[in-house]
C-alpha atoms as a PDB file:
ATOM      1  CA  MET A   1      24.287 -26.257   2.651  1.00  0.00           C
ATOM      2  CA  THR A   2      21.232 -24.706   4.105  1.00  0.00           C
ATOM      3  CA  THR A   3      18.321 -27.226   4.400  1.00  0.00           C
ATOM      4  CA  ARG A   4      14.555 -26.414   4.137  1.00  0.00           C
ATOM      5  CA  PHE A   5      14.276 -26.670   7.712  1.00  0.00           C
ATOM      6  CA  GLY A   6      17.077 -24.072   8.357  1.00  0.00           C
ATOM      7  CA  VAL A   7      15.455 -21.566   5.892  1.00  0.00           C
ATOM      8  CA  GLY A   8      12.308 -21.859   7.420  1.00  0.00           C
ATOM      9  CA  LEU A   9      13.526 -21.249  11.016  1.00  0.00           C
ATOM     10  CA  LEU A  10      15.385 -18.247   9.277  1.00  0.00           C
ATOM     11  CA  ALA A  11      11.964 -17.243   7.894  1.00  0.00           C
ATOM     12  CA  LEU A  12      10.077 -17.627  11.146  1.00  0.00           C
ATOM     13  CA  ALA A  13      12.669 -15.551  13.140  1.00  0.00           C
ATOM     14  CA  ILE A  14      12.359 -12.754  10.497  1.00  0.00           C
ATOM     15  CA  LEU A  15       8.564 -12.821  10.455  1.00  0.00           C
ATOM     16  CA  ALA A  16       8.692 -12.683  14.058  1.00  0.00           C
ATOM     17  CA  GLY A  17      10.671  -9.728  14.423  1.00  0.00           C
ATOM     18  CA  ALA A  18       8.339  -7.773  11.805  1.00  0.00           C
ATOM     19  CA  CYS A  19       5.337  -8.689  13.813  1.00  0.00           C
ATOM     20  CA  GLY A  20       6.837  -6.294  17.057  1.00  0.00           C
ATOM     21  CA  HIS A  21       8.686  -8.747  19.134  1.00  0.00           C
ATOM     22  CA  GLY A  22      11.383  -6.745  20.517  1.00  0.00           C
ATOM     23  CA  ALA A  23       9.780  -3.368  18.876  1.00  0.00           C
ATOM     24  CA  LYS A  24      10.648   0.212  20.574  1.00  0.00           C
ATOM     25  CA  ALA A  25       8.176   2.099  22.183  1.00  0.00           C
ATOM     26  CA  PRO A  26       7.842   5.508  20.609  1.00  0.00           C
ATOM     27  CA  THR A  27       9.499   8.537  21.712  1.00  0.00           C
ATOM     28  CA  THR A  28       6.582  10.948  20.983  1.00  0.00           C
ATOM     29  CA  LEU A  29       2.745  10.674  21.277  1.00  0.00           C
ATOM     30  CA  THR A  30      -0.186  13.531  21.013  1.00  0.00           C
ATOM     31  CA  VAL A  31      -3.014  12.899  23.568  1.00  0.00           C
ATOM     32  CA  VAL A  32      -6.143  15.021  23.019  1.00  0.00           C
ATOM     33  CA  GLN A  33      -8.127  16.427  25.852  1.00  0.00           C
ATOM     34  CA  VAL A  34     -11.784  16.635  24.679  1.00  0.00           C
ATOM     35  CA  ASN A  35     -15.271  16.189  26.210  1.00  0.00           C
ATOM     36  CA  PHE A  36     -13.831  15.428  29.893  1.00  0.00           C
ATOM     37  CA  ARG A  37     -11.565  12.623  28.664  1.00  0.00           C
ATOM     38  CA  PHE A  38      -8.220  11.760  27.076  1.00  0.00           C
ATOM     39  CA  GLU A  39      -7.806  10.288  23.808  1.00  0.00           C
ATOM     40  CA  PRO A  40      -6.046   7.857  23.794  1.00  0.00           C
ATOM     41  CA  ALA A  41      -6.413   7.100  27.613  1.00  0.00           C
ATOM     42  CA  ASN A  42      -3.682   4.489  27.343  1.00  0.00           C
ATOM     43  CA  LEU A  43      -0.347   5.603  26.385  1.00  0.00           C
ATOM     44  CA  THR A  44       2.968   3.508  25.694  1.00  0.00           C
ATOM     45  CA  LEU A  45       6.222   6.061  25.784  1.00  0.00           C
ATOM     46  CA  ALA A  46       9.928   5.131  25.710  1.00  0.00           C
ATOM     47  CA  ARG A  47      11.927   7.009  28.663  1.00  0.00           C
ATOM     48  CA  GLY A  48      12.863  10.341  27.666  1.00  0.00           C
ATOM     49  CA  GLY A  49      10.102  10.547  25.009  1.00  0.00           C
ATOM     50  CA  VAL A  50       7.803  13.566  24.685  1.00  0.00           C
ATOM     51  CA  VAL A  51       3.844  13.822  25.388  1.00  0.00           C
ATOM     52  CA  SER A  52       2.271  16.674  23.068  1.00  0.00           C
ATOM     53  CA  VAL A  53      -0.932  17.388  24.900  1.00  0.00           C
ATOM     54  CA  LYS A  54      -3.694  19.232  22.950  1.00  0.00           C
ATOM     55  CA  ASP A  55      -6.881  20.908  24.568  1.00  0.00           C
ATOM     56  CA  ASP A  56      -9.593  20.434  22.208  1.00  0.00           C
ATOM     57  CA  ALA A  57     -12.422  21.764  24.564  1.00  0.00           C
ATOM     58  CA  PRO A  58     -13.940  24.816  23.362  1.00  0.00           C
ATOM     59  CA  VAL A  59     -13.578  26.667  26.802  1.00  0.00           C
ATOM     60  CA  THR A  60     -12.658  24.455  29.305  1.00  0.00           C
ATOM     61  CA  PRO A  61      -9.098  24.503  30.812  1.00  0.00           C
ATOM     62  CA  HIS A  62      -7.570  21.046  31.509  1.00  0.00           C
ATOM     63  CA  THR A  63      -4.486  19.556  33.004  1.00  0.00           C
ATOM     64  CA  PHE A  64      -2.181  16.382  32.081  1.00  0.00           C
ATOM     65  CA  THR A  65      -0.810  15.335  35.562  1.00  0.00           C
ATOM     66  CA  VAL A  66       1.189  12.184  35.863  1.00  0.00           C
ATOM     67  CA  LYS A  67       0.421  10.962  39.537  1.00  0.00           C
ATOM     68  CA  GLY A  68       3.355  10.864  41.779  1.00  0.00           C
ATOM     69  CA  THR A  69       5.806  13.020  39.790  1.00  0.00           C
ATOM     70  CA  ASP A  70       6.299  16.726  39.099  1.00  0.00           C
ATOM     71  CA  ILE A  71       4.816  16.300  35.427  1.00  0.00           C
ATOM     72  CA  ASP A  72       1.740  18.842  35.263  1.00  0.00           C
ATOM     73  CA  VAL A  73       0.997  20.612  31.904  1.00  0.00           C
ATOM     74  CA  ARG A  74      -2.113  23.018  32.254  1.00  0.00           C
ATOM     75  CA  ASN A  75      -3.722  23.704  29.047  1.00  0.00           C
ATOM     76  CA  ASP A  76      -6.436  26.423  28.384  1.00  0.00           C
ATOM     77  CA  ALA A  77      -8.787  25.762  25.730  1.00  0.00           C
ATOM     78  CA  GLY A  78      -7.094  25.397  22.343  1.00  0.00           C
ATOM     79  CA  ASP A  79      -3.689  25.298  23.910  1.00  0.00           C
ATOM     80  CA  ILE A  80      -1.117  22.495  23.138  1.00  0.00           C
ATOM     81  CA  GLY A  81       1.457  21.641  25.811  1.00  0.00           C
ATOM     82  CA  THR A  82       4.143  19.270  26.039  1.00  0.00           C
ATOM     83  CA  ALA A  83       5.685  17.128  28.876  1.00  0.00           C
ATOM     84  CA  LEU A  84       9.158  15.239  28.830  1.00  0.00           C
ATOM     85  CA  ILE A  85       8.663  11.838  30.406  1.00  0.00           C
ATOM     86  CA  ASP A  86      11.877  11.009  32.112  1.00  0.00           C
ATOM     87  CA  LEU A  87      10.323   8.827  34.334  1.00  0.00           C
ATOM     88  CA  PRO A  88      11.777   5.131  35.568  1.00  0.00           C
ATOM     89  CA  PRO A  89      10.186   2.178  33.536  1.00  0.00           C
ATOM     90  CA  GLY A  90       6.912   1.386  35.083  1.00  0.00           C
ATOM     91  CA  THR A  91       3.252   2.100  35.252  1.00  0.00           C
ATOM     92  CA  TYR A  92       2.053   5.703  35.832  1.00  0.00           C
ATOM     93  CA  THR A  93      -1.783   7.000  36.173  1.00  0.00           C
ATOM     94  CA  PHE A  94      -2.112  10.467  34.648  1.00  0.00           C
ATOM     95  CA  ILE A  95      -5.294  12.534  35.349  1.00  0.00           C
ATOM     96  CA  CYS A  96      -7.022  16.316  34.760  1.00  0.00           C
ATOM     97  CA  ARG A  97      -6.742  17.765  38.440  1.00  0.00           C
ATOM     98  CA  TYR A  98      -9.742  19.528  37.572  1.00  0.00           C
ATOM     99  CA  HIS A  99     -12.144  16.725  36.315  1.00  0.00           C
ATOM    100  CA  VAL A 100     -10.741  13.455  37.499  1.00  0.00           C
ATOM    101  CA  SER A 101     -13.878  13.312  39.834  1.00  0.00           C
ATOM    102  CA  GLN A 102     -15.700  12.980  36.088  1.00  0.00           C
ATOM    103  CA  GLY A 103     -13.632  10.145  35.057  1.00  0.00           C
ATOM    104  CA  MET A 104     -10.617  11.858  33.231  1.00  0.00           C
ATOM    105  CA  LYS A 105      -7.842   9.810  33.629  1.00  0.00           C
ATOM    106  CA  GLY A 106      -5.843   7.382  32.087  1.00  0.00           C
ATOM    107  CA  THR A 107      -2.448   5.111  32.225  1.00  0.00           C
ATOM    108  CA  LEU A 108       1.230   5.698  30.900  1.00  0.00           C
ATOM    109  CA  ILE A 109       3.422   2.953  30.365  1.00  0.00           C
ATOM    110  CA  VAL A 110       7.004   3.965  30.385  1.00  0.00           C
ATOM    111  CA  ARG A 111       9.559   1.304  28.719  1.00  0.00           C
END
């Protein structure tokens, strides 16, 4: 026999699961390079995931470079490149090597 208390706990557990507790990080994300910034500037991705990098600048080349790694995608204006993110879980900084002094950087969290 199930009590109201037991049903309430079960409903609470289901609701907690639906609210993202234990949710997996995505395996594919897109970041856009535009106006000397990344959109979005904060990425969370599963290890082994892929970042699609789109240069929306009309004439300016950019890079998507994850500091301390060999990930370095160079895009000319209008190009789309990809990067496999097979890094250990952790927090990484990504930059545009050409425009980091203008604040073109972001944060990548690998789960």
